[in-house]
Amino acid sequence: MKKRLTILLLLGLVGITNAQTNSAKADFSQIKALIPYSSAELEAQQKQFQDSLMQALERQYDIKKLEEEANIFKNQQEYNAGDEATQLKFTEAQEKLQKISDYYNQAVSQNASKLYKPFLDLSQKIRQIIAKNGYDLIFLFGPNGVESVEYKDVETYSNFQNSIVDCARKKGFSNQADYNEKLNMCSREILSPLMQNSVDITELVIQELKK
């Protein structure tokens, strides 16, 4: 599964002082060990499903031919200059490709939801555990650092994200790139002290998950 952690998700804490924020941390490697298969195994299964599905669609439809027909015209001018039969072939090919794409994306999404449900359930349980024990968020660490951050609820997450945006706006910015940099800057201002003050609750989380 792709890591859900981004700098903004991780650092959505600007404007929240350490006194106001109760943060925790836990060894995600130990926690994930409670699930009988790894995310790498699930990723391999998902890729196998995608490859098999695409092969099945290619057997059912001549996708290469459809792609060629859908690219007969490069622009509106060429389309207008084409004959009616070619225009119809072009339109039908595009519509068929769109339907195939929609079906593929939906099937892939549904399979991913099914495969990764144990991890999604795990995240939900972790959120419930930190909320129950008075923590606002938890940093989940792996061998290479923080892998994910869970917030106790949607409202808390939203408040943190709003704080980041407010901070960046107060600093001012000239363009989108500058704005993104200001967001990261605001995030870094609170990351270090927050993580340093995080309480390790690995054992607590594991005990609660085993219940």
N, C-alpha and C. Protein backbone atom coordinates (compact mmCIF):
# COMPACT_ATOMS: atom_id res chain seq x y z
N MET A 1 0.84 -1.19 0.00
CA MET A 1 0.00 0.00 0.00
C MET A 1 0.87 1.24 0.00
N LYS A 2 0.47 2.18 -0.81
CA LYS A 2 1.25 3.42 -0.84
C LYS A 2 1.17 4.11 0.50
N LYS A 3 2.27 4.68 0.90
CA LYS A 3 2.28 5.40 2.17
C LYS A 3 1.35 6.61 2.09
N ARG A 4 0.52 6.74 3.06
CA ARG A 4 -0.42 7.84 3.08
C ARG A 4 0.20 9.10 3.65
N LEU A 5 1.40 8.98 4.20
CA LEU A 5 2.02 10.13 4.86
C LEU A 5 2.61 11.10 3.85
N THR A 6 2.24 12.36 3.97
CA THR A 6 2.88 13.44 3.24
C THR A 6 3.29 14.47 4.28
N ILE A 7 4.13 15.39 3.86
CA ILE A 7 4.62 16.38 4.82
C ILE A 7 3.48 17.16 5.43
N LEU A 8 2.42 17.40 4.63
CA LEU A 8 1.32 18.19 5.17
C LEU A 8 0.45 17.38 6.10
N LEU A 9 0.25 16.12 5.80
CA LEU A 9 -0.51 15.27 6.72
C LEU A 9 0.24 15.09 8.01
N LEU A 10 1.52 14.93 7.89
CA LEU A 10 2.36 14.71 9.06
C LEU A 10 2.42 15.94 9.94
N LEU A 11 2.42 17.10 9.30
CA LEU A 11 2.73 18.31 10.04
C LEU A 11 1.56 19.25 10.23
N GLY A 12 0.36 18.77 10.13
CA GLY A 12 -0.78 19.65 10.21
C GLY A 12 -1.04 20.13 11.61
N LEU A 13 -0.06 20.81 12.22
CA LEU A 13 -0.12 21.11 13.64
C LEU A 13 0.23 22.55 13.96
N VAL A 14 0.33 23.39 12.95
CA VAL A 14 0.73 24.76 13.20
C VAL A 14 -0.33 25.47 14.03
N GLY A 15 0.12 26.26 14.96
CA GLY A 15 -0.80 27.00 15.79
C GLY A 15 -1.27 26.22 17.00
N ILE A 16 -0.86 24.96 17.12
CA ILE A 16 -1.23 24.14 18.26
C ILE A 16 0.01 23.98 19.14
N THR A 17 -0.02 24.45 20.35
CA THR A 17 1.15 24.36 21.22
C THR A 17 1.26 22.97 21.79
N ASN A 18 2.46 22.64 22.28
CA ASN A 18 2.66 21.33 22.87
C ASN A 18 1.75 21.12 24.08
N ALA A 19 1.47 22.21 24.79
CA ALA A 19 0.61 22.11 25.97
C ALA A 19 -0.82 21.75 25.56
N GLN A 20 -1.21 22.15 24.37
CA GLN A 20 -2.56 21.89 23.91
C GLN A 20 -2.68 20.56 23.18
N THR A 21 -1.58 20.04 22.71
CA THR A 21 -1.60 18.83 21.90
C THR A 21 -0.98 17.65 22.64
N ASN A 22 -1.73 16.60 22.79
CA ASN A 22 -1.21 15.38 23.39
C ASN A 22 -0.87 14.41 22.26
N SER A 23 0.41 14.26 22.02
CA SER A 23 0.85 13.40 20.91
C SER A 23 1.50 12.14 21.43
N ALA A 24 1.36 11.10 20.66
CA ALA A 24 1.94 9.80 21.01
C ALA A 24 2.70 9.26 19.81
N LYS A 25 3.46 8.22 20.06
CA LYS A 25 4.17 7.53 18.98
C LYS A 25 4.15 6.04 19.28
N ALA A 26 4.34 5.25 18.25
CA ALA A 26 4.34 3.80 18.43
C ALA A 26 5.12 3.14 17.30
N ASP A 27 5.65 1.98 17.59
CA ASP A 27 6.42 1.21 16.62
C ASP A 27 5.44 0.52 15.68
N PHE A 28 5.32 1.03 14.48
CA PHE A 28 4.34 0.49 13.54
C PHE A 28 4.72 -0.92 13.07
N SER A 29 6.01 -1.22 13.10
CA SER A 29 6.45 -2.56 12.68
C SER A 29 5.86 -3.62 13.61
N GLN A 30 5.89 -3.35 14.90
CA GLN A 30 5.31 -4.29 15.86
C GLN A 30 3.80 -4.37 15.71
N ILE A 31 3.18 -3.25 15.46
CA ILE A 31 1.72 -3.22 15.32
C ILE A 31 1.27 -3.97 14.07
N LYS A 32 1.97 -3.73 12.97
CA LYS A 32 1.58 -4.39 11.71
C LYS A 32 1.82 -5.89 11.77
N ALA A 33 2.69 -6.32 12.68
CA ALA A 33 2.97 -7.75 12.82
C ALA A 33 1.73 -8.50 13.27
N LEU A 34 0.75 -7.78 13.81
CA LEU A 34 -0.49 -8.42 14.23
C LEU A 34 -1.34 -8.83 13.03
N ILE A 35 -1.06 -8.24 11.87
CA ILE A 35 -1.76 -8.62 10.64
C ILE A 35 -0.95 -9.73 9.97
N PRO A 36 -1.61 -10.81 9.57
CA PRO A 36 -0.90 -11.99 9.06
C PRO A 36 -0.20 -11.84 7.72
N TYR A 37 -0.31 -10.70 7.07
CA TYR A 37 0.39 -10.49 5.80
C TYR A 37 0.84 -9.05 5.71
N SER A 38 1.88 -8.85 4.95
CA SER A 38 2.49 -7.52 4.87
C SER A 38 1.87 -6.68 3.76
N SER A 39 2.10 -5.38 3.84
CA SER A 39 1.60 -4.49 2.80
C SER A 39 2.27 -4.81 1.46
N ALA A 40 3.52 -5.29 1.51
CA ALA A 40 4.22 -5.65 0.27
C ALA A 40 3.51 -6.82 -0.42
N GLU A 41 3.05 -7.77 0.38
CA GLU A 41 2.32 -8.91 -0.19
C GLU A 41 1.00 -8.46 -0.81
N LEU A 42 0.34 -7.51 -0.15
CA LEU A 42 -0.92 -7.01 -0.67
C LEU A 42 -0.70 -6.22 -1.96
N GLU A 43 0.40 -5.46 -2.01
CA GLU A 43 0.72 -4.71 -3.22
C GLU A 43 0.96 -5.66 -4.38
N ALA A 44 1.62 -6.79 -4.10
CA ALA A 44 1.89 -7.78 -5.14
C ALA A 44 0.57 -8.39 -5.64
N GLN A 45 -0.34 -8.66 -4.70
CA GLN A 45 -1.64 -9.21 -5.08
C GLN A 45 -2.44 -8.21 -5.91
N GLN A 46 -2.35 -6.94 -5.51
CA GLN A 46 -3.08 -5.91 -6.24
C GLN A 46 -2.53 -5.76 -7.65
N LYS A 47 -1.22 -5.80 -7.80
CA LYS A 47 -0.61 -5.69 -9.12
C LYS A 47 -0.99 -6.88 -9.99
N GLN A 48 -1.02 -8.06 -9.39
CA GLN A 48 -1.40 -9.26 -10.13
C GLN A 48 -2.85 -9.14 -10.62
N PHE A 49 -3.71 -8.61 -9.76
CA PHE A 49 -5.11 -8.41 -10.14
C PHE A 49 -5.21 -7.43 -11.31
N GLN A 50 -4.49 -6.32 -11.22
CA GLN A 50 -4.52 -5.31 -12.27
C GLN A 50 -4.02 -5.87 -13.60
N ASP A 51 -2.92 -6.62 -13.54
CA ASP A 51 -2.36 -7.19 -14.76
C ASP A 51 -3.33 -8.19 -15.39
N SER A 52 -3.93 -9.04 -14.54
CA SER A 52 -4.87 -10.05 -15.04
C SER A 52 -6.10 -9.40 -15.64
N LEU A 53 -6.59 -8.35 -14.99
CA LEU A 53 -7.76 -7.65 -15.48
C LEU A 53 -7.48 -7.00 -16.82
N MET A 54 -6.33 -6.37 -16.95
CA MET A 54 -5.98 -5.71 -18.20
C MET A 54 -5.84 -6.73 -19.33
N GLN A 55 -5.24 -7.87 -19.03
CA GLN A 55 -5.10 -8.93 -20.04
C GLN A 55 -6.47 -9.43 -20.49
N ALA A 56 -7.40 -9.56 -19.53
CA ALA A 56 -8.74 -10.02 -19.86
C ALA A 56 -9.46 -9.00 -20.73
N LEU A 57 -9.30 -7.73 -20.43
CA LEU A 57 -9.93 -6.68 -21.23
C LEU A 57 -9.33 -6.62 -22.63
N GLU A 58 -8.04 -6.83 -22.71
CA GLU A 58 -7.38 -6.81 -24.02
C GLU A 58 -7.83 -7.99 -24.87
N ARG A 59 -8.16 -9.13 -24.23
CA ARG A 59 -8.67 -10.28 -24.97
C ARG A 59 -10.10 -10.03 -25.43
N GLN A 60 -10.87 -9.35 -24.60
CA GLN A 60 -12.27 -9.09 -24.92
C GLN A 60 -12.45 -7.97 -25.94
N TYR A 61 -11.59 -6.97 -25.83
CA TYR A 61 -11.68 -5.83 -26.75
C TYR A 61 -10.33 -5.65 -27.46
N ASP A 62 -10.39 -5.21 -28.69
CA ASP A 62 -9.16 -4.91 -29.41
C ASP A 62 -8.76 -3.48 -29.03
N ILE A 63 -8.14 -3.37 -27.85
CA ILE A 63 -7.84 -2.05 -27.30
C ILE A 63 -6.87 -1.29 -28.19
N LYS A 64 -5.92 -1.98 -28.75
CA LYS A 64 -4.95 -1.30 -29.61
C LYS A 64 -5.65 -0.66 -30.80
N LYS A 65 -6.59 -1.39 -31.40
CA LYS A 65 -7.33 -0.87 -32.55
C LYS A 65 -8.19 0.31 -32.13
N LEU A 66 -8.83 0.20 -30.95
CA LEU A 66 -9.66 1.29 -30.45
C LEU A 66 -8.83 2.55 -30.21
N GLU A 67 -7.63 2.36 -29.69
CA GLU A 67 -6.75 3.50 -29.44
C GLU A 67 -6.35 4.18 -30.75
N GLU A 68 -6.12 3.37 -31.77
CA GLU A 68 -5.76 3.94 -33.08
C GLU A 68 -6.93 4.74 -33.64
N GLU A 69 -8.15 4.18 -33.52
CA GLU A 69 -9.33 4.86 -34.04
C GLU A 69 -9.64 6.12 -33.23
N ALA A 70 -9.34 6.08 -31.94
CA ALA A 70 -9.61 7.23 -31.07
C ALA A 70 -8.60 8.34 -31.27
N ASN A 71 -7.56 8.08 -32.05
CA ASN A 71 -6.53 9.09 -32.30
C ASN A 71 -6.42 9.45 -33.78
N ILE A 72 -7.49 9.14 -34.52
CA ILE A 72 -7.49 9.46 -35.95
C ILE A 72 -7.34 10.97 -36.15
N PHE A 73 -8.07 11.71 -35.32
CA PHE A 73 -8.01 13.16 -35.40
C PHE A 73 -7.19 13.71 -34.24
N LYS A 74 -6.30 14.63 -34.57
CA LYS A 74 -5.43 15.22 -33.55
C LYS A 74 -6.01 16.48 -32.94
N ASN A 75 -6.95 17.09 -33.64
CA ASN A 75 -7.54 18.33 -33.14
C ASN A 75 -8.92 18.52 -33.76
N GLN A 76 -9.61 19.56 -33.33
CA GLN A 76 -10.96 19.83 -33.80
C GLN A 76 -11.00 20.14 -35.29
N GLN A 77 -9.96 20.80 -35.78
CA GLN A 77 -9.91 21.14 -37.20
C GLN A 77 -9.89 19.88 -38.06
N GLU A 78 -9.07 18.92 -37.68
CA GLU A 78 -9.01 17.66 -38.43
C GLU A 78 -10.34 16.93 -38.36
N TYR A 79 -10.97 16.97 -37.20
CA TYR A 79 -12.27 16.30 -37.03
C TYR A 79 -13.31 16.93 -37.96
N ASN A 80 -13.34 18.24 -38.00
CA ASN A 80 -14.32 18.94 -38.84
C ASN A 80 -14.10 18.63 -40.32
N ALA A 81 -12.86 18.38 -40.70
CA ALA A 81 -12.53 18.12 -42.11
C ALA A 81 -12.76 16.66 -42.48
N GLY A 82 -12.98 15.79 -41.49
CA GLY A 82 -13.15 14.37 -41.77
C GLY A 82 -14.54 14.04 -42.28
N ASP A 83 -14.67 12.85 -42.88
CA ASP A 83 -15.98 12.43 -43.37
C ASP A 83 -16.80 11.87 -42.20
N GLU A 84 -18.08 11.75 -42.42
CA GLU A 84 -19.02 11.37 -41.35
C GLU A 84 -18.71 9.98 -40.79
N ALA A 85 -18.37 9.05 -41.66
CA ALA A 85 -18.09 7.68 -41.22
C ALA A 85 -16.87 7.64 -40.30
N THR A 86 -15.85 8.38 -40.67
CA THR A 86 -14.63 8.41 -39.85
C THR A 86 -14.89 9.12 -38.53
N GLN A 87 -15.69 10.17 -38.58
CA GLN A 87 -16.04 10.88 -37.35
C GLN A 87 -16.79 9.96 -36.40
N LEU A 88 -17.69 9.15 -36.94
CA LEU A 88 -18.47 8.22 -36.12
C LEU A 88 -17.55 7.17 -35.50
N LYS A 89 -16.63 6.65 -36.31
CA LYS A 89 -15.68 5.66 -35.81
C LYS A 89 -14.83 6.25 -34.69
N PHE A 90 -14.40 7.48 -34.88
CA PHE A 90 -13.60 8.20 -33.88
C PHE A 90 -14.37 8.36 -32.57
N THR A 91 -15.61 8.80 -32.66
CA THR A 91 -16.43 9.04 -31.47
C THR A 91 -16.74 7.74 -30.73
N GLU A 92 -17.11 6.70 -31.47
CA GLU A 92 -17.43 5.42 -30.85
C GLU A 92 -16.21 4.81 -30.16
N ALA A 93 -15.04 4.96 -30.78
CA ALA A 93 -13.82 4.42 -30.19
C ALA A 93 -13.50 5.12 -28.88
N GLN A 94 -13.65 6.44 -28.85
CA GLN A 94 -13.39 7.19 -27.63
C GLN A 94 -14.37 6.78 -26.52
N GLU A 95 -15.63 6.62 -26.87
CA GLU A 95 -16.65 6.24 -25.89
C GLU A 95 -16.37 4.84 -25.33
N LYS A 96 -15.98 3.90 -26.20
CA LYS A 96 -15.67 2.55 -25.75
C LYS A 96 -14.45 2.53 -24.83
N LEU A 97 -13.43 3.29 -25.20
CA LEU A 97 -12.23 3.36 -24.37
C LEU A 97 -12.55 3.96 -23.00
N GLN A 98 -13.42 4.96 -22.97
CA GLN A 98 -13.79 5.58 -21.71
C GLN A 98 -14.54 4.60 -20.82
N LYS A 99 -15.43 3.81 -21.41
CA LYS A 99 -16.18 2.81 -20.64
C LYS A 99 -15.23 1.73 -20.10
N ILE A 100 -14.28 1.32 -20.92
CA ILE A 100 -13.31 0.32 -20.48
C ILE A 100 -12.47 0.87 -19.35
N SER A 101 -12.04 2.13 -19.48
CA SER A 101 -11.24 2.77 -18.45
C SER A 101 -12.02 2.90 -17.14
N ASP A 102 -13.28 3.30 -17.24
CA ASP A 102 -14.12 3.44 -16.05
C ASP A 102 -14.30 2.09 -15.35
N TYR A 103 -14.54 1.05 -16.14
CA TYR A 103 -14.72 -0.28 -15.57
C TYR A 103 -13.44 -0.75 -14.89
N TYR A 104 -12.32 -0.54 -15.55
CA TYR A 104 -11.02 -0.95 -15.00
C TYR A 104 -10.74 -0.23 -13.69
N ASN A 105 -10.91 1.07 -13.68
CA ASN A 105 -10.62 1.85 -12.48
C ASN A 105 -11.53 1.46 -11.32
N GLN A 106 -12.80 1.21 -11.61
CA GLN A 106 -13.73 0.83 -10.57
C GLN A 106 -13.37 -0.54 -9.99
N ALA A 107 -13.04 -1.48 -10.88
CA ALA A 107 -12.69 -2.82 -10.43
C ALA A 107 -11.41 -2.81 -9.60
N VAL A 108 -10.43 -2.02 -10.02
CA VAL A 108 -9.17 -1.91 -9.29
C VAL A 108 -9.40 -1.30 -7.92
N SER A 109 -10.22 -0.27 -7.87
CA SER A 109 -10.53 0.40 -6.61
C SER A 109 -11.25 -0.53 -5.64
N GLN A 110 -12.21 -1.27 -6.15
CA GLN A 110 -12.96 -2.21 -5.31
C GLN A 110 -12.06 -3.32 -4.78
N ASN A 111 -11.18 -3.80 -5.62
CA ASN A 111 -10.27 -4.87 -5.18
C ASN A 111 -9.29 -4.35 -4.12
N ALA A 112 -8.81 -3.11 -4.31
CA ALA A 112 -7.89 -2.51 -3.34
C ALA A 112 -8.57 -2.34 -1.99
N SER A 113 -9.82 -1.90 -2.01
CA SER A 113 -10.57 -1.71 -0.77
C SER A 113 -10.72 -3.04 -0.03
N LYS A 114 -10.94 -4.08 -0.79
CA LYS A 114 -11.08 -5.42 -0.20
C LYS A 114 -9.75 -5.91 0.36
N LEU A 115 -8.69 -5.75 -0.42
CA LEU A 115 -7.38 -6.23 0.00
C LEU A 115 -6.86 -5.50 1.24
N TYR A 116 -7.00 -4.19 1.22
CA TYR A 116 -6.41 -3.37 2.28
C TYR A 116 -7.34 -3.14 3.46
N LYS A 117 -8.49 -3.80 3.47
CA LYS A 117 -9.44 -3.60 4.56
C LYS A 117 -8.82 -3.86 5.94
N PRO A 118 -7.98 -4.89 6.10
CA PRO A 118 -7.36 -5.10 7.42
C PRO A 118 -6.54 -3.90 7.89
N PHE A 119 -5.86 -3.22 6.95
CA PHE A 119 -5.07 -2.06 7.32
C PHE A 119 -5.97 -0.85 7.60
N LEU A 120 -7.05 -0.75 6.84
CA LEU A 120 -8.00 0.34 7.08
C LEU A 120 -8.67 0.14 8.44
N ASP A 121 -9.00 -1.10 8.75
CA ASP A 121 -9.60 -1.40 10.05
C ASP A 121 -8.61 -1.12 11.17
N LEU A 122 -7.34 -1.43 10.90
CA LEU A 122 -6.30 -1.19 11.89
C LEU A 122 -6.18 0.30 12.18
N SER A 123 -6.20 1.11 11.15
CA SER A 123 -6.12 2.56 11.33
C SER A 123 -7.29 3.07 12.16
N GLN A 124 -8.47 2.55 11.88
CA GLN A 124 -9.65 2.97 12.62
C GLN A 124 -9.53 2.60 14.10
N LYS A 125 -9.02 1.41 14.37
CA LYS A 125 -8.86 0.96 15.75
C LYS A 125 -7.82 1.80 16.49
N ILE A 126 -6.75 2.15 15.79
CA ILE A 126 -5.71 2.98 16.41
C ILE A 126 -6.26 4.35 16.75
N ARG A 127 -7.08 4.90 15.86
CA ARG A 127 -7.70 6.20 16.15
C ARG A 127 -8.59 6.12 17.39
N GLN A 128 -9.30 5.03 17.51
CA GLN A 128 -10.17 4.84 18.68
C GLN A 128 -9.35 4.70 19.96
N ILE A 129 -8.21 4.04 19.85
CA ILE A 129 -7.35 3.83 21.02
C ILE A 129 -6.77 5.15 21.52
N ILE A 130 -6.27 5.97 20.61
CA ILE A 130 -5.66 7.23 21.06
C ILE A 130 -6.73 8.18 21.61
N ALA A 131 -7.92 8.15 21.00
CA ALA A 131 -9.00 9.01 21.51
C ALA A 131 -9.40 8.57 22.91
N LYS A 132 -9.48 7.27 23.11
CA LYS A 132 -9.85 6.71 24.40
C LYS A 132 -8.84 7.07 25.49
N ASN A 133 -7.57 7.18 25.10
CA ASN A 133 -6.51 7.43 26.07
C ASN A 133 -6.04 8.89 26.09
N GLY A 134 -6.82 9.78 25.50
CA GLY A 134 -6.56 11.21 25.62
C GLY A 134 -5.49 11.78 24.72
N TYR A 135 -5.18 11.11 23.60
CA TYR A 135 -4.18 11.63 22.66
C TYR A 135 -4.87 12.20 21.43
N ASP A 136 -4.27 13.26 20.89
CA ASP A 136 -4.82 13.90 19.70
C ASP A 136 -4.37 13.22 18.41
N LEU A 137 -3.16 12.73 18.43
CA LEU A 137 -2.61 12.07 17.25
C LEU A 137 -1.49 11.14 17.65
N ILE A 138 -1.14 10.26 16.73
CA ILE A 138 -0.05 9.32 17.00
C ILE A 138 0.83 9.20 15.77
N PHE A 139 2.15 9.26 15.99
CA PHE A 139 3.13 9.04 14.93
C PHE A 139 3.48 7.56 14.92
N LEU A 140 3.29 6.92 13.78
CA LEU A 140 3.58 5.49 13.66
C LEU A 140 4.91 5.32 12.92
N PHE A 141 5.90 4.83 13.67
CA PHE A 141 7.26 4.72 13.15
C PHE A 141 7.57 3.34 12.59
N GLY A 142 8.42 3.34 11.58
CA GLY A 142 8.95 2.12 11.01
C GLY A 142 10.45 2.20 10.98
N PRO A 143 11.13 1.27 10.32
CA PRO A 143 12.59 1.27 10.25
C PRO A 143 13.17 2.53 9.63
N ASN A 144 12.42 3.15 8.73
CA ASN A 144 12.92 4.33 8.02
C ASN A 144 12.28 5.64 8.47
N GLY A 145 11.72 5.62 9.65
CA GLY A 145 11.10 6.83 10.17
C GLY A 145 9.59 6.72 10.23
N VAL A 146 8.93 7.87 10.23
CA VAL A 146 7.47 7.89 10.35
C VAL A 146 6.82 7.36 9.07
N GLU A 147 5.95 6.39 9.23
CA GLU A 147 5.25 5.81 8.10
C GLU A 147 3.84 6.37 7.94
N SER A 148 3.25 6.73 9.07
CA SER A 148 1.89 7.23 9.01
C SER A 148 1.59 8.03 10.26
N VAL A 149 0.57 8.86 10.16
CA VAL A 149 0.09 9.62 11.31
C VAL A 149 -1.42 9.45 11.38
N GLU A 150 -1.91 9.11 12.54
CA GLU A 150 -3.36 8.98 12.73
C GLU A 150 -3.84 10.04 13.71
N TYR A 151 -4.95 10.67 13.37
CA TYR A 151 -5.57 11.66 14.24
C TYR A 151 -6.78 11.03 14.92
N LYS A 152 -7.12 11.53 16.10
CA LYS A 152 -8.19 10.89 16.86
C LYS A 152 -9.55 11.00 16.18
N ASP A 153 -9.76 12.06 15.38
CA ASP A 153 -11.02 12.21 14.66
C ASP A 153 -10.85 13.20 13.51
N VAL A 154 -11.86 13.28 12.68
CA VAL A 154 -11.83 14.15 11.51
C VAL A 154 -11.73 15.62 11.92
N GLU A 155 -12.43 15.98 12.97
CA GLU A 155 -12.41 17.37 13.43
C GLU A 155 -11.00 17.81 13.83
N THR A 156 -10.30 16.93 14.54
CA THR A 156 -8.93 17.24 14.96
C THR A 156 -8.02 17.40 13.75
N TYR A 157 -8.16 16.49 12.81
CA TYR A 157 -7.36 16.56 11.59
C TYR A 157 -7.63 17.88 10.86
N SER A 158 -8.89 18.22 10.72
CA SER A 158 -9.27 19.45 10.02
C SER A 158 -8.73 20.69 10.72
N ASN A 159 -8.78 20.69 12.05
CA ASN A 159 -8.27 21.83 12.80
C ASN A 159 -6.77 22.02 12.56
N PHE A 160 -6.04 20.92 12.54
CA PHE A 160 -4.61 21.00 12.30
C PHE A 160 -4.32 21.51 10.88
N GLN A 161 -5.08 21.01 9.91
CA GLN A 161 -4.87 21.44 8.53
C GLN A 161 -5.20 22.92 8.36
N ASN A 162 -6.26 23.36 9.01
CA ASN A 162 -6.63 24.78 8.95
C ASN A 162 -5.55 25.65 9.58
N SER A 163 -4.92 25.15 10.63
CA SER A 163 -3.85 25.89 11.29
C SER A 163 -2.66 26.09 10.36
N ILE A 164 -2.34 25.06 9.60
CA ILE A 164 -1.23 25.15 8.65
C ILE A 164 -1.53 26.22 7.60
N VAL A 165 -2.73 26.19 7.06
CA VAL A 165 -3.11 27.15 6.02
C VAL A 165 -3.07 28.57 6.56
N ASP A 166 -3.62 28.76 7.75
CA ASP A 166 -3.62 30.10 8.36
C ASP A 166 -2.20 30.61 8.56
N CYS A 167 -1.33 29.75 9.02
CA CYS A 167 0.06 30.12 9.26
C CYS A 167 0.73 30.55 7.95
N ALA A 168 0.52 29.76 6.89
CA ALA A 168 1.14 30.06 5.60
C ALA A 168 0.63 31.39 5.05
N ARG A 169 -0.64 31.64 5.21
CA ARG A 169 -1.21 32.89 4.71
C ARG A 169 -0.67 34.10 5.45
N LYS A 170 -0.46 33.94 6.75
CA LYS A 170 0.09 35.05 7.54
C LYS A 170 1.51 35.37 7.13
N LYS A 171 2.25 34.36 6.72
CA LYS A 171 3.63 34.58 6.28
C LYS A 171 3.66 35.27 4.92
N GLY A 172 2.60 35.06 4.13
CA GLY A 172 2.55 35.65 2.82
C GLY A 172 3.27 34.80 1.78
N PHE A 173 2.83 34.88 0.54
CA PHE A 173 3.45 34.10 -0.53
C PHE A 173 3.18 34.79 -1.86
N SER A 174 4.04 34.52 -2.84
CA SER A 174 3.95 35.19 -4.13
C SER A 174 3.37 34.31 -5.24
N ASN A 175 3.50 33.01 -5.09
CA ASN A 175 2.97 32.08 -6.09
C ASN A 175 2.72 30.72 -5.44
N GLN A 176 2.26 29.76 -6.23
CA GLN A 176 1.90 28.45 -5.67
C GLN A 176 3.11 27.75 -5.06
N ALA A 177 4.25 27.83 -5.74
CA ALA A 177 5.45 27.18 -5.21
C ALA A 177 5.85 27.82 -3.88
N ASP A 178 5.77 29.13 -3.80
CA ASP A 178 6.10 29.83 -2.57
C ASP A 178 5.10 29.46 -1.47
N TYR A 179 3.85 29.32 -1.85
CA TYR A 179 2.80 28.94 -0.89
C TYR A 179 3.09 27.55 -0.32
N ASN A 180 3.45 26.62 -1.19
CA ASN A 180 3.77 25.27 -0.74
C ASN A 180 4.96 25.27 0.22
N GLU A 181 5.94 26.11 -0.10
CA GLU A 181 7.11 26.22 0.76
C GLU A 181 6.73 26.79 2.12
N LYS A 182 5.83 27.76 2.12
CA LYS A 182 5.37 28.33 3.39
C LYS A 182 4.61 27.31 4.21
N LEU A 183 3.85 26.46 3.55
CA LEU A 183 3.14 25.39 4.25
C LEU A 183 4.13 24.45 4.93
N ASN A 184 5.17 24.08 4.19
CA ASN A 184 6.20 23.20 4.75
C ASN A 184 6.95 23.89 5.89
N MET A 185 7.20 25.17 5.71
CA MET A 185 7.90 25.94 6.74
C MET A 185 7.09 25.98 8.03
N CYS A 186 5.80 26.24 7.89
CA CYS A 186 4.93 26.26 9.06
C CYS A 186 4.90 24.89 9.74
N SER A 187 4.92 23.85 8.92
CA SER A 187 4.91 22.50 9.46
C SER A 187 6.16 22.20 10.27
N ARG A 188 7.31 22.59 9.71
CA ARG A 188 8.58 22.30 10.38
C ARG A 188 8.70 23.02 11.72
N GLU A 189 8.03 24.16 11.85
CA GLU A 189 8.14 24.94 13.07
C GLU A 189 7.64 24.18 14.30
N ILE A 190 6.75 23.25 14.08
CA ILE A 190 6.19 22.55 15.23
C ILE A 190 6.52 21.06 15.25
N LEU A 191 7.03 20.53 14.17
CA LEU A 191 7.30 19.09 14.09
C LEU A 191 8.27 18.59 15.15
N SER A 192 9.45 19.19 15.23
CA SER A 192 10.48 18.68 16.15
C SER A 192 10.03 18.63 17.60
N PRO A 193 9.57 19.75 18.17
CA PRO A 193 9.16 19.69 19.58
C PRO A 193 7.99 18.76 19.81
N LEU A 194 7.07 18.68 18.85
CA LEU A 194 5.91 17.80 19.02
C LEU A 194 6.33 16.34 19.06
N MET A 195 7.22 15.96 18.14
CA MET A 195 7.68 14.58 18.10
C MET A 195 8.54 14.26 19.33
N GLN A 196 9.34 15.21 19.76
CA GLN A 196 10.19 14.99 20.93
C GLN A 196 9.36 14.77 22.19
N ASN A 197 8.20 15.40 22.24
CA ASN A 197 7.34 15.27 23.41
C ASN A 197 6.31 14.15 23.28
N SER A 198 6.39 13.40 22.19
CA SER A 198 5.45 12.30 22.00
C SER A 198 5.74 11.17 22.98
N VAL A 199 4.69 10.59 23.49
CA VAL A 199 4.81 9.48 24.44
C VAL A 199 4.72 8.17 23.68
N ASP A 200 5.65 7.26 23.95
CA ASP A 200 5.64 5.96 23.27
C ASP A 200 4.59 5.07 23.91
N ILE A 201 3.58 4.71 23.14
CA ILE A 201 2.49 3.87 23.66
C ILE A 201 2.36 2.58 22.85
N THR A 202 3.48 2.11 22.34
CA THR A 202 3.47 0.89 21.52
C THR A 202 2.80 -0.27 22.25
N GLU A 203 3.22 -0.51 23.48
CA GLU A 203 2.67 -1.64 24.24
C GLU A 203 1.18 -1.47 24.50
N LEU A 204 0.78 -0.25 24.80
CA LEU A 204 -0.64 0.02 25.04
C LEU A 204 -1.47 -0.28 23.81
N VAL A 205 -0.99 0.18 22.65
CA VAL A 205 -1.72 -0.05 21.40
C VAL A 205 -1.82 -1.54 21.11
N ILE A 206 -0.73 -2.24 21.27
CA ILE A 206 -0.73 -3.69 21.00
C ILE A 206 -1.69 -4.42 21.92
N GLN A 207 -1.66 -4.07 23.21
CA GLN A 207 -2.57 -4.70 24.16
C GLN A 207 -4.02 -4.44 23.81
N GLU A 208 -4.32 -3.22 23.42
CA GLU A 208 -5.70 -2.88 23.07
C GLU A 208 -6.13 -3.61 21.80
N LEU A 209 -5.23 -3.72 20.82
CA LEU A 209 -5.57 -4.39 19.58
C LEU A 209 -5.78 -5.90 19.77
N LYS A 210 -5.15 -6.46 20.76
CA LYS A 210 -5.28 -7.90 21.01
C LYS A 210 -6.55 -8.26 21.75
N LYS A 211 -7.24 -7.27 22.27
CA LYS A 211 -8.46 -7.55 23.04
C LYS A 211 -9.56 -8.08 22.13
